PDB file of N, CA and C in Angstrom:
ATOM      1  N   MET A   1     -61.330  37.999 -44.503  1.00  0.00           N
ATOM      2  CA  MET A   1     -61.585  38.950 -45.958  1.00  0.00           C
ATOM      3  C   MET A   1     -62.725  38.019 -46.556  1.00  0.00           C
ATOM      4  N   ARG A   2     -63.579  38.333 -47.207  1.00  0.00           N
ATOM      5  CA  ARG A   2     -64.454  37.481 -48.279  1.00  0.00           C
ATOM      6  C   ARG A   2     -64.141  38.018 -49.613  1.00  0.00           C
ATOM      7  N   GLU A   3     -64.557  36.784 -50.447  1.00  0.00           N
ATOM      8  CA  GLU A   3     -64.216  37.073 -51.562  1.00  0.00           C
ATOM      9  C   GLU A   3     -65.376  37.304 -52.535  1.00  0.00           C
ATOM     10  N   ILE A   4     -65.479  38.016 -53.506  1.00  0.00           N
ATOM     11  CA  ILE A   4     -66.664  38.199 -54.129  1.00  0.00           C
ATOM     12  C   ILE A   4     -66.509  37.913 -55.650  1.00  0.00           C
ATOM     13  N   VAL A   5     -67.360  37.068 -56.350  1.00  0.00           N
ATOM     14  CA  VAL A   5     -67.314  36.810 -57.584  1.00  0.00           C
ATOM     15  C   VAL A   5     -68.173  37.696 -58.434  1.00  0.00           C
ATOM     16  N   HIS A   6     -67.972  38.201 -59.379  1.00  0.00           N
ATOM     17  CA  HIS A   6     -68.557  39.507 -60.096  1.00  0.00           C
ATOM     18  C   HIS A   6     -69.193  38.758 -61.443  1.00  0.00           C
ATOM     19  N   LEU A   7     -70.661  38.823 -61.426  1.00  0.00           N
ATOM     20  CA  LEU A   7     -71.067  38.106 -62.633  1.00  0.00           C
ATOM     21  C   LEU A   7     -71.752  39.163 -63.354  1.00  0.00           C
ATOM     22  N   GLN A   8     -71.294  39.118 -64.477  1.00  0.00           N
ATOM     23  CA  GLN A   8     -71.856  40.171 -65.474  1.00  0.00           C
ATOM     24  C   GLN A   8     -72.587  39.204 -66.833  1.00  0.00           C
ATOM     25  N   VAL A   9     -73.913  39.479 -66.932  1.00  0.00           N
ATOM     26  CA  VAL A   9     -74.875  38.813 -67.664  1.00  0.00           C
ATOM     27  C   VAL A   9     -74.975  39.693 -68.958  1.00  0.00           C
ATOM     28  N   GLY A  10     -75.315  39.275 -70.173  1.00  0.00           N
ATOM     29  CA  GLY A  10     -75.830  40.141 -71.429  1.00  0.00           C
ATOM     30  C   GLY A  10     -74.973  41.306 -71.441  1.00  0.00           C
ATOM     31  N   GLN A  11     -75.482  42.004 -72.863  1.00  0.00           N
ATOM     32  CA  GLN A  11     -74.546  43.002 -73.284  1.00  0.00           C
ATOM     33  C   GLN A  11     -74.612  44.183 -72.254  1.00  0.00           C
ATOM     34  N   CYS A  12     -75.639  44.457 -71.644  1.00  0.00           N
ATOM     35  CA  CYS A  12     -75.630  45.579 -70.823  1.00  0.00           C
ATOM     36  C   CYS A  12     -75.038  45.482 -69.485  1.00  0.00           C
ATOM     37  N   GLY A  13     -74.923  44.133 -69.063  1.00  0.00           N
ATOM     38  CA  GLY A  13     -74.171  44.024 -67.825  1.00  0.00           C
ATOM     39  C   GLY A  13     -72.703  43.657 -68.009  1.00  0.00           C
ATOM     40  N   ASN A  14     -72.428  43.105 -69.148  1.00  0.00           N
ATOM     41  CA  ASN A  14     -71.070  43.014 -69.637  1.00  0.00           C
ATOM     42  C   ASN A  14     -70.344  44.805 -69.658  1.00  0.00           C
ATOM     43  N   GLN A  15     -71.348  45.470 -70.538  1.00  0.00           N
ATOM     44  CA  GLN A  15     -70.687  46.904 -70.524  1.00  0.00           C
ATOM     45  C   GLN A  15     -70.633  47.794 -69.289  1.00  0.00           C
ATOM     46  N   ILE A  16     -71.355  47.462 -68.609  1.00  0.00           N
ATOM     47  CA  ILE A  16     -71.466  48.121 -67.030  1.00  0.00           C
ATOM     48  C   ILE A  16     -70.283  47.495 -66.051  1.00  0.00           C
ATOM     49  N   GLY A  17     -70.242  46.277 -66.321  1.00  0.00           N
ATOM     50  CA  GLY A  17     -68.970  45.448 -65.830  1.00  0.00           C
ATOM     51  C   GLY A  17     -67.761  46.003 -66.193  1.00  0.00           C
ATOM     52  N   SER A  18     -67.319  46.109 -67.532  1.00  0.00           N
ATOM     53  CA  SER A  18     -66.669  46.388 -68.188  1.00  0.00           C
ATOM     54  C   SER A  18     -65.999  47.940 -67.283  1.00  0.00           C
ATOM     55  N   ARG A  19     -66.560  48.749 -67.277  1.00  0.00           N
ATOM     56  CA  ARG A  19     -66.580  50.035 -66.420  1.00  0.00           C
ATOM     57  C   ARG A  19     -66.012  50.097 -65.258  1.00  0.00           C
ATOM     58  N   PHE A  20     -66.984  49.003 -64.599  1.00  0.00           N
ATOM     59  CA  PHE A  20     -66.557  48.736 -63.338  1.00  0.00           C
ATOM     60  C   PHE A  20     -65.212  48.319 -62.859  1.00  0.00           C
ATOM     61  N   TRP A  21     -64.698  47.422 -63.975  1.00  0.00           N
ATOM     62  CA  TRP A  21     -63.364  46.898 -63.570  1.00  0.00           C
ATOM     63  C   TRP A  21     -62.270  48.038 -63.913  1.00  0.00           C
ATOM     64  N   GLU A  22     -62.791  48.818 -64.888  1.00  0.00           N
ATOM     65  CA  GLU A  22     -61.676  49.949 -65.068  1.00  0.00           C
ATOM     66  C   GLU A  22     -61.648  50.941 -63.891  1.00  0.00           C
ATOM     67  N   LYS A  23     -62.340  50.955 -63.277  1.00  0.00           N
ATOM     68  CA  LYS A  23     -62.948  51.912 -62.028  1.00  0.00           C
ATOM     69  C   LYS A  23     -61.807  51.048 -61.055  1.00  0.00           C
ATOM     70  N   ILE A  24     -62.573  49.901 -60.508  1.00  0.00           N
ATOM     71  CA  ILE A  24     -61.443  49.420 -59.480  1.00  0.00           C
ATOM     72  C   ILE A  24     -60.189  49.099 -59.727  1.00  0.00           C
ATOM     73  N   CYS A  25     -59.414  49.323 -61.305  1.00  0.00           N
ATOM     74  CA  CYS A  25     -58.089  48.796 -61.371  1.00  0.00           C
ATOM     75  C   CYS A  25     -57.804  50.235 -61.193  1.00  0.00           C
ATOM     76  N   GLN A  26     -58.141  51.147 -61.552  1.00  0.00           N
ATOM     77  CA  GLN A  26     -57.514  52.755 -61.417  1.00  0.00           C
ATOM     78  C   GLN A  26     -57.279  52.954 -59.893  1.00  0.00           C
ATOM     79  N   GLU A  27     -58.618  52.380 -59.158  1.00  0.00           N
ATOM     80  CA  GLU A  27     -58.627  52.853 -57.669  1.00  0.00           C
ATOM     81  C   GLU A  27     -57.499  52.111 -56.827  1.00  0.00           C
ATOM     82  N   HIS A  28     -57.162  50.913 -57.473  1.00  0.00           N
ATOM     83  CA  HIS A  28     -56.002  50.211 -56.778  1.00  0.00           C
ATOM     84  C   HIS A  28     -54.706  50.030 -57.697  1.00  0.00           C
ATOM     85  N   SER A  29     -54.614  50.561 -58.560  1.00  0.00           N
ATOM     86  CA  SER A  29     -53.421  50.791 -59.357  1.00  0.00           C
ATOM     87  C   SER A  29     -53.025  49.369 -59.841  1.00  0.00           C
ATOM     88  N   ILE A  30     -53.901  49.144 -60.517  1.00  0.00           N
ATOM     89  CA  ILE A  30     -53.713  47.707 -61.315  1.00  0.00           C
ATOM     90  C   ILE A  30     -53.757  47.934 -62.730  1.00  0.00           C
ATOM     91  N   SER A  31     -52.950  47.419 -63.691  1.00  0.00           N
ATOM     92  CA  SER A  31     -52.950  48.172 -65.001  1.00  0.00           C
ATOM     93  C   SER A  31     -53.675  46.847 -65.732  1.00  0.00           C
ATOM     94  N   ASN A  32     -53.815  47.423 -66.904  1.00  0.00           N
ATOM     95  CA  ASN A  32     -54.698  46.723 -68.049  1.00  0.00           C
ATOM     96  C   ASN A  32     -54.133  44.947 -68.228  1.00  0.00           C
ATOM     97  N   GLU A  33     -53.144  44.976 -67.970  1.00  0.00           N
ATOM     98  CA  GLU A  33     -52.870  43.387 -67.817  1.00  0.00           C
ATOM     99  C   GLU A  33     -52.682  42.803 -66.512  1.00  0.00           C
ATOM    100  N   GLY A  34     -53.250  43.403 -65.435  1.00  0.00           N
ATOM    101  CA  GLY A  34     -53.311  43.004 -64.415  1.00  0.00           C
ATOM    102  C   GLY A  34     -51.999  43.255 -63.440  1.00  0.00           C
ATOM    103  N   GLU A  35     -51.281  43.795 -63.860  1.00  0.00           N
ATOM    104  CA  GLU A  35     -50.105  44.164 -63.037  1.00  0.00           C
ATOM    105  C   GLU A  35     -50.345  45.191 -61.717  1.00  0.00           C
ATOM    106  N   CYS A  36     -49.863  45.060 -60.612  1.00  0.00           N
ATOM    107  CA  CYS A  36     -49.696  46.437 -59.753  1.00  0.00           C
ATOM    108  C   CYS A  36     -48.936  47.242 -60.075  1.00  0.00           C
ATOM    109  N   THR A  37     -49.266  48.594 -60.465  1.00  0.00           N
ATOM    110  CA  THR A  37     -48.450  49.577 -60.593  1.00  0.00           C
ATOM    111  C   THR A  37     -47.482  50.383 -59.360  1.00  0.00           C
ATOM    112  N   ASP A  38     -48.179  50.269 -58.256  1.00  0.00           N
ATOM    113  CA  ASP A  38     -47.804  50.726 -57.135  1.00  0.00           C
ATOM    114  C   ASP A  38     -47.313  49.679 -56.090  1.00  0.00           C
ATOM    115  N   SER A  39     -45.981  49.535 -55.725  1.00  0.00           N
ATOM    116  CA  SER A  39     -45.534  48.310 -54.944  1.00  0.00           C
ATOM    117  C   SER A  39     -45.964  48.474 -53.742  1.00  0.00           C
ATOM    118  N   SER A  40     -46.181  49.947 -53.217  1.00  0.00           N
ATOM    119  CA  SER A  40     -46.946  50.076 -51.773  1.00  0.00           C
ATOM    120  C   SER A  40     -48.295  49.482 -51.705  1.00  0.00           C
ATOM    121  N   GLN A  41     -48.912  49.298 -52.876  1.00  0.00           N
ATOM    122  CA  GLN A  41     -50.246  49.019 -52.643  1.00  0.00           C
ATOM    123  C   GLN A  41     -50.371  47.525 -52.254  1.00  0.00           C
ATOM    124  N   THR A  42     -49.853  46.862 -52.795  1.00  0.00           N
ATOM    125  CA  THR A  42     -49.824  45.195 -52.395  1.00  0.00           C
ATOM    126  C   THR A  42     -49.773  45.100 -50.846  1.00  0.00           C
ATOM    127  N   GLY A  43     -48.824  45.715 -50.276  1.00  0.00           N
ATOM    128  CA  GLY A  43     -48.600  45.691 -48.718  1.00  0.00           C
ATOM    129  C   GLY A  43     -49.539  46.161 -47.926  1.00  0.00           C
ATOM    130  N   ARG A  44     -50.027  47.392 -48.430  1.00  0.00           N
ATOM    131  CA  ARG A  44     -50.930  47.968 -47.559  1.00  0.00           C
ATOM    132  C   ARG A  44     -52.413  47.611 -47.741  1.00  0.00           C
ATOM    133  N   ASP A  45     -52.672  47.330 -48.838  1.00  0.00           N
ATOM    134  CA  ASP A  45     -54.091  46.971 -49.091  1.00  0.00           C
ATOM    135  C   ASP A  45     -54.346  45.590 -49.459  1.00  0.00           C
ATOM    136  N   SER A  46     -55.032  44.840 -48.509  1.00  0.00           N
ATOM    137  CA  SER A  46     -55.096  43.481 -48.220  1.00  0.00           C
ATOM    138  C   SER A  46     -56.693  43.285 -48.895  1.00  0.00           C
ATOM    139  N   ARG A  47     -57.212  44.134 -49.349  1.00  0.00           N
ATOM    140  CA  ARG A  47     -58.411  44.149 -50.048  1.00  0.00           C
ATOM    141  C   ARG A  47     -58.313  43.712 -51.420  1.00  0.00           C
ATOM    142  N   LEU A  48     -57.315  43.383 -51.905  1.00  0.00           N
ATOM    143  CA  LEU A  48     -57.197  43.048 -53.388  1.00  0.00           C
ATOM    144  C   LEU A  48     -57.898  42.059 -53.536  1.00  0.00           C
ATOM    145  N   GLY A  49     -57.818  40.994 -52.569  1.00  0.00           N
ATOM    146  CA  GLY A  49     -58.355  39.775 -52.920  1.00  0.00           C
ATOM    147  C   GLY A  49     -59.831  39.631 -52.640  1.00  0.00           C
ATOM    148  N   VAL A  50     -60.448  40.865 -52.345  1.00  0.00           N
ATOM    149  CA  VAL A  50     -61.995  40.609 -52.272  1.00  0.00           C
ATOM    150  C   VAL A  50     -62.318  40.567 -53.746  1.00  0.00           C
ATOM    151  N   TYR A  51     -61.748  41.269 -54.635  1.00  0.00           N
ATOM    152  CA  TYR A  51     -62.434  41.370 -56.156  1.00  0.00           C
ATOM    153  C   TYR A  51     -61.198  40.325 -57.005  1.00  0.00           C
ATOM    154  N   PHE A  52     -60.077  40.035 -56.497  1.00  0.00           N
ATOM    155  CA  PHE A  52     -58.945  39.505 -57.768  1.00  0.00           C
ATOM    156  C   PHE A  52     -58.505  38.443 -57.200  1.00  0.00           C
ATOM    157  N   THR A  53     -57.839  37.358 -57.933  1.00  0.00           N
ATOM    158  CA  THR A  53     -57.160  36.372 -57.474  1.00  0.00           C
ATOM    159  C   THR A  53     -55.691  36.575 -57.901  1.00  0.00           C
ATOM    160  N   LYS A  54     -54.741  36.403 -57.154  1.00  0.00           N
ATOM    161  CA  LYS A  54     -53.206  36.340 -57.290  1.00  0.00           C
ATOM    162  C   LYS A  54     -52.706  35.410 -58.263  1.00  0.00           C
ATOM    163  N   ALA A  55     -52.747  35.709 -59.530  1.00  0.00           N
ATOM    164  CA  ALA A  55     -52.454  34.465 -60.657  1.00  0.00           C
ATOM    165  C   ALA A  55     -50.657  34.318 -60.085  1.00  0.00           C
ATOM    166  N   SER A  56     -50.090  35.339 -60.239  1.00  0.00           N
ATOM    167  CA  SER A  56     -48.513  35.084 -59.675  1.00  0.00           C
ATOM    168  C   SER A  56     -48.207  36.050 -58.735  1.00  0.00           C
ATOM    169  N   ASP A  57     -46.854  36.499 -58.728  1.00  0.00           N
ATOM    170  CA  ASP A  57     -46.435  37.247 -57.863  1.00  0.00           C
ATOM    171  C   ASP A  57     -46.865  38.647 -58.051  1.00  0.00           C
ATOM    172  N   THR A  58     -46.875  39.108 -59.470  1.00  0.00           N
ATOM    173  CA  THR A  58     -46.871  40.445 -59.727  1.00  0.00           C
ATOM    174  C   THR A  58     -48.453  40.446 -60.588  1.00  0.00           C
ATOM    175  N   ARG A  59     -49.174  39.420 -61.092  1.00  0.00           N
ATOM    176  CA  ARG A  59     -50.296  39.665 -61.499  1.00  0.00           C
ATOM    177  C   ARG A  59     -51.929  39.266 -61.098  1.00  0.00           C
ATOM    178  N   TYR A  60     -52.540  40.122 -61.082  1.00  0.00           N
ATOM    179  CA  TYR A  60     -53.885  39.998 -60.572  1.00  0.00           C
ATOM    180  C   TYR A  60     -55.205  39.903 -61.653  1.00  0.00           C
ATOM    181  N   VAL A  61     -55.912  38.709 -61.278  1.00  0.00           N
ATOM    182  CA  VAL A  61     -57.274  38.479 -62.253  1.00  0.00           C
ATOM    183  C   VAL A  61     -58.344  38.652 -61.463  1.00  0.00           C
ATOM    184  N   PRO A  62     -59.497  39.279 -62.283  1.00  0.00           N
ATOM    185  CA  PRO A  62     -60.557  39.651 -61.395  1.00  0.00           C
ATOM    186  C   PRO A  62     -61.325  38.425 -61.557  1.00  0.00           C
ATOM    187  N   ARG A  63     -61.926  38.151 -60.216  1.00  0.00           N
ATOM    188  CA  ARG A  63     -62.916  36.805 -59.901  1.00  0.00           C
ATOM    189  C   ARG A  63     -64.004  37.146 -60.508  1.00  0.00           C
ATOM    190  N   ALA A  64     -64.356  36.891 -61.874  1.00  0.00           N
ATOM    191  CA  ALA A  64     -65.480  37.595 -62.598  1.00  0.00           C
ATOM    192  C   ALA A  64     -65.837  36.309 -63.603  1.00  0.00           C
ATOM    193  N   ILE A  65     -67.228  36.342 -64.040  1.00  0.00           N
ATOM    194  CA  ILE A  65     -67.722  35.424 -65.034  1.00  0.00           C
ATOM    195  C   ILE A  65     -68.397  36.401 -65.921  1.00  0.00           C
ATOM    196  N   LEU A  66     -68.156  36.337 -67.151  1.00  0.00           N
ATOM    197  CA  LEU A  66     -68.703  37.183 -68.114  1.00  0.00           C
ATOM    198  C   LEU A  66     -69.616  36.378 -68.774  1.00  0.00           C
ATOM    199  N   VAL A  67     -70.824  36.446 -68.951  1.00  0.00           N
ATOM    200  CA  VAL A  67     -71.888  35.647 -69.681  1.00  0.00           C
ATOM    201  C   VAL A  67     -72.568  36.389 -70.649  1.00  0.00           C
ATOM    202  N   ASP A  68     -72.885  35.712 -72.097  1.00  0.00           N
ATOM    203  CA  ASP A  68     -73.431  36.244 -72.995  1.00  0.00           C
ATOM    204  C   ASP A  68     -74.300  35.249 -74.156  1.00  0.00           C
ATOM    205  N   LEU A  69     -75.322  35.406 -74.421  1.00  0.00           N
ATOM    206  CA  LEU A  69     -75.357  34.225 -75.672  1.00  0.00           C
ATOM    207  C   LEU A  69     -74.653  34.768 -77.106  1.00  0.00           C
ATOM    208  N   GLU A  70     -74.653  36.020 -77.100  1.00  0.00           N
ATOM    209  CA  GLU A  70     -73.798  36.563 -78.352  1.00  0.00           C
ATOM    210  C   GLU A  70     -72.556  36.655 -78.211  1.00  0.00           C
ATOM    211  N   CYS A  71     -71.352  36.075 -79.060  1.00  0.00           N
ATOM    212  CA  CYS A  71     -70.232  36.147 -78.907  1.00  0.00           C
ATOM    213  C   CYS A  71     -69.668  37.579 -79.130  1.00  0.00           C
ATOM    214  N   GLY A  72     -70.391  38.618 -79.620  1.00  0.00           N
ATOM    215  CA  GLY A  72     -69.704  39.820 -79.910  1.00  0.00           C
ATOM    216  C   GLY A  72     -69.595  40.486 -78.796  1.00  0.00           C
ATOM    217  N   THR A  73     -70.109  40.458 -78.058  1.00  0.00           N
ATOM    218  CA  THR A  73     -69.960  41.185 -76.448  1.00  0.00           C
ATOM    219  C   THR A  73     -68.694  40.777 -75.909  1.00  0.00           C
ATOM    220  N   GLY A  74     -68.380  39.678 -75.887  1.00  0.00           N
ATOM    221  CA  GLY A  74     -67.060  38.997 -75.253  1.00  0.00           C
ATOM    222  C   GLY A  74     -66.467  39.408 -76.082  1.00  0.00           C
ATOM    223  N   ASP A  75     -66.214  39.394 -77.253  1.00  0.00           N
ATOM    224  CA  ASP A  75     -65.134  39.936 -78.262  1.00  0.00           C
ATOM    225  C   ASP A  75     -64.721  41.148 -78.277  1.00  0.00           C
ATOM    226  N   ALA A  76     -65.860  42.064 -77.987  1.00  0.00           N
ATOM    227  CA  ALA A  76     -65.472  43.394 -77.665  1.00  0.00           C
ATOM    228  C   ALA A  76     -64.556  43.750 -76.579  1.00  0.00           C
ATOM    229  N   ILE A  77     -65.168  42.799 -75.425  1.00  0.00           N
ATOM    230  CA  ILE A  77     -64.082  43.199 -74.178  1.00  0.00           C
ATOM    231  C   ILE A  77     -62.906  42.810 -74.369  1.00  0.00           C
ATOM    232  N   LYS A  78     -62.647  41.316 -75.265  1.00  0.00           N
ATOM    233  CA  LYS A  78     -61.409  40.996 -75.335  1.00  0.00           C
ATOM    234  C   LYS A  78     -60.668  41.839 -75.950  1.00  0.00           C
ATOM    235  N   ASN A  79     -61.214  42.426 -76.960  1.00  0.00           N
ATOM    236  CA  ASN A  79     -60.240  43.536 -77.843  1.00  0.00           C
ATOM    237  C   ASN A  79     -60.011  44.900 -77.258  1.00  0.00           C
ATOM    238  N   SER A  80     -60.885  44.954 -76.017  1.00  0.00           N
ATOM    239  CA  SER A  80     -60.615  46.662 -75.377  1.00  0.00           C
ATOM    240  C   SER A  80     -59.371  46.746 -74.479  1.00  0.00           C
ATOM    241  N   PRO A  81     -59.219  47.742 -73.727  1.00  0.00           N
ATOM    242  CA  PRO A  81     -57.869  48.018 -73.162  1.00  0.00           C
ATOM    243  C   PRO A  81     -57.768  47.083 -71.961  1.00  0.00           C
ATOM    244  N   ILE A  82     -59.119  46.589 -71.367  1.00  0.00           N
ATOM    245  CA  ILE A  82     -58.842  45.758 -70.143  1.00  0.00           C
ATOM    246  C   ILE A  82     -59.061  44.347 -70.765  1.00  0.00           C
ATOM    247  N   GLY A  83     -58.994  44.116 -71.906  1.00  0.00           N
ATOM    248  CA  GLY A  83     -59.416  42.726 -72.167  1.00  0.00           C
ATOM    249  C   GLY A  83     -58.241  41.856 -71.559  1.00  0.00           C
ATOM    250  N   ASN A  84     -57.093  42.013 -71.570  1.00  0.00           N
ATOM    251  CA  ASN A  84     -55.793  41.203 -71.217  1.00  0.00           C
ATOM    252  C   ASN A  84     -56.005  40.986 -69.828  1.00  0.00           C
ATOM    253  N   LEU A  85     -57.038  41.636 -68.734  1.00  0.00           N
ATOM    254  CA  LEU A  85     -56.914  41.725 -67.629  1.00  0.00           C
ATOM    255  C   LEU A  85     -57.905  40.349 -67.109  1.00  0.00           C
ATOM    256  N   PHE A  86     -58.552  39.407 -68.239  1.00  0.00           N
ATOM    257  CA  PHE A  86     -59.475  38.324 -67.663  1.00  0.00           C
ATOM    258  C   PHE A  86     -58.884  37.345 -68.520  1.00  0.00           C
ATOM    259  N   LYS A  87     -58.835  36.298 -67.878  1.00  0.00           N
ATOM    260  CA  LYS A  87     -58.617  34.986 -68.373  1.00  0.00           C
ATOM    261  C   LYS A  87     -59.513  34.235 -69.246  1.00  0.00           C
ATOM    262  N   PRO A  88     -59.415  33.580 -70.294  1.00  0.00           N
ATOM    263  CA  PRO A  88     -60.073  33.074 -71.263  1.00  0.00           C
ATOM    264  C   PRO A  88     -61.410  32.421 -70.546  1.00  0.00           C
ATOM    265  N   ASP A  89     -60.940  31.519 -69.356  1.00  0.00           N
ATOM    266  CA  ASP A  89     -61.863  30.903 -68.646  1.00  0.00           C
ATOM    267  C   ASP A  89     -63.110  31.554 -68.154  1.00  0.00           C
ATOM    268  N   ASN A  90     -62.820  33.123 -67.832  1.00  0.00           N
ATOM    269  CA  ASN A  90     -63.912  33.950 -67.553  1.00  0.00           C
ATOM    270  C   ASN A  90     -65.060  34.104 -68.609  1.00  0.00           C
ATOM    271  N   TYR A  91     -64.780  33.765 -69.650  1.00  0.00           N
ATOM    272  CA  TYR A  91     -66.022  34.359 -70.680  1.00  0.00           C
ATOM    273  C   TYR A  91     -66.730  33.036 -70.886  1.00  0.00           C
ATOM    274  N   ILE A  92     -68.004  33.028 -71.012  1.00  0.00           N
ATOM    275  CA  ILE A  92     -68.852  32.058 -71.472  1.00  0.00           C
ATOM    276  C   ILE A  92     -69.915  32.824 -72.545  1.00  0.00           C
ATOM    277  N   SER A  93     -70.206  32.220 -73.652  1.00  0.00           N
ATOM    278  CA  SER A  93     -70.642  32.951 -74.615  1.00  0.00           C
ATOM    279  C   SER A  93     -71.259  31.972 -75.696  1.00  0.00           C
ATOM    280  N   GLY A  94     -71.948  32.347 -76.380  1.00  0.00           N
ATOM    281  CA  GLY A  94     -72.750  31.641 -77.586  1.00  0.00           C
ATOM    282  C   GLY A  94     -71.823  31.525 -78.632  1.00  0.00           C
ATOM    283  N   LYS A  95     -72.309  30.844 -79.772  1.00  0.00           N
ATOM    284  CA  LYS A  95     -71.462  30.723 -80.989  1.00  0.00           C
ATOM    285  C   LYS A  95     -71.634  31.756 -82.152  1.00  0.00           C
ATOM    286  N   ARG A  96     -72.850  32.198 -82.182  1.00  0.00           N
ATOM    287  CA  ARG A  96     -73.413  33.309 -83.008  1.00  0.00           C
ATOM    288  C   ARG A  96     -74.186  34.257 -82.576  1.00  0.00           C
ATOM    289  N   GLU A  97     -74.075  35.430 -83.432  1.00  0.00           N
ATOM    290  CA  GLU A  97     -74.939  36.594 -83.154  1.00  0.00           C
ATOM    291  C   GLU A  97     -76.506  36.296 -83.221  1.00  0.00           C
ATOM    292  N   LEU A  98     -77.245  36.861 -82.084  1.00  0.00           N
ATOM    293  CA  LEU A  98     -78.703  36.418 -81.917  1.00  0.00           C
ATOM    294  C   LEU A  98     -79.819  37.466 -82.451  1.00  0.00           C
ATOM    295  N   SER A  99     -78.947  38.764 -82.674  1.00  0.00           N
ATOM    296  CA  SER A  99     -79.786  40.033 -82.912  1.00  0.00           C
ATOM    297  C   SER A  99     -80.852  40.095 -83.954  1.00  0.00           C
ATOM    298  N   ASP A 100     -80.560  39.058 -84.771  1.00  0.00           N
ATOM    299  CA  ASP A 100     -81.671  39.012 -86.078  1.00  0.00           C
ATOM    300  C   ASP A 100     -82.494  37.719 -85.856  1.00  0.00           C
ATOM    301  N   GLN A 101     -82.677  37.285 -84.550  1.00  0.00           N
ATOM    302  CA  GLN A 101     -83.352  35.840 -84.342  1.00  0.00           C
ATOM    303  C   GLN A 101     -84.762  36.139 -84.822  1.00  0.00           C
ATOM    304  N   PHE A 102     -85.151  37.028 -84.024  1.00  0.00           N
ATOM    305  CA  PHE A 102     -87.013  37.566 -84.537  1.00  0.00           C
ATOM    306  C   PHE A 102     -87.083  37.411 -85.673  1.00  0.00           C
ATOM    307  N   SER A 103     -86.283  38.014 -86.659  1.00  0.00           N
ATOM    308  CA  SER A 103     -86.847  38.178 -88.025  1.00  0.00           C
ATOM    309  C   SER A 103     -86.590  36.733 -88.856  1.00  0.00           C
ATOM    310  N   SER A 104     -85.324  36.020 -88.637  1.00  0.00           N
ATOM    311  CA  SER A 104     -85.433  34.752 -89.117  1.00  0.00           C
ATOM    312  C   SER A 104     -86.371  33.664 -88.676  1.00  0.00           C
ATOM    313  N   ARG A 105     -87.010  33.636 -87.557  1.00  0.00           N
ATOM    314  CA  ARG A 105     -87.909  33.039 -87.144  1.00  0.00           C
ATOM    315  C   ARG A 105     -89.280  33.112 -87.719  1.00  0.00           C
ATOM    316  N   ARG A 106     -89.504  34.763 -87.956  1.00  0.00           N
ATOM    317  CA  ARG A 106     -90.995  35.299 -88.756  1.00  0.00           C
ATOM    318  C   ARG A 106     -90.711  34.683 -90.158  1.00  0.00           C
ATOM    319  N   SER A 107     -89.597  34.436 -90.915  1.00  0.00           N
ATOM    320  CA  SER A 107     -89.433  34.261 -92.280  1.00  0.00           C
ATOM    321  C   SER A 107     -89.912  32.691 -92.504  1.00  0.00           C
ATOM    322  N   TRP A 108     -89.788  31.817 -91.369  1.00  0.00           N
ATOM    323  CA  TRP A 108     -90.075  30.297 -91.516  1.00  0.00           C
ATOM    324  C   TRP A 108     -91.505  30.232 -91.614  1.00  0.00           C
ATOM    325  N   LYS A 109     -92.721  31.200 -91.148  1.00  0.00           N
ATOM    326  CA  LYS A 109     -93.936  31.074 -91.093  1.00  0.00           C
ATOM    327  C   LYS A 109     -94.371  30.987 -92.361  1.00  0.00           C
TER     328      LYS A 109
END
């Protein structure tokens, strides 16, 4: 079995990635907290290890890196229903919003 690390970059990549994880969790009976809700699923489906790391006997964590220069996208995912699925180490983000960077650079000229 091979492992896949899912890389989500930018606002669009993270939004699409969030929908991806919602669907994968639904298909494999993984709750929003990473718990396997179908006990027969863990025994018969050894492919959970492709996208998930087994953090404990009952908890699965996505093998994912969520990257964005703005902190808002990561915060939105953390506060979403699947936010508890990821570890804090999965997030890499900037310290401030960059949406107004063009206008702030223009005002200095």
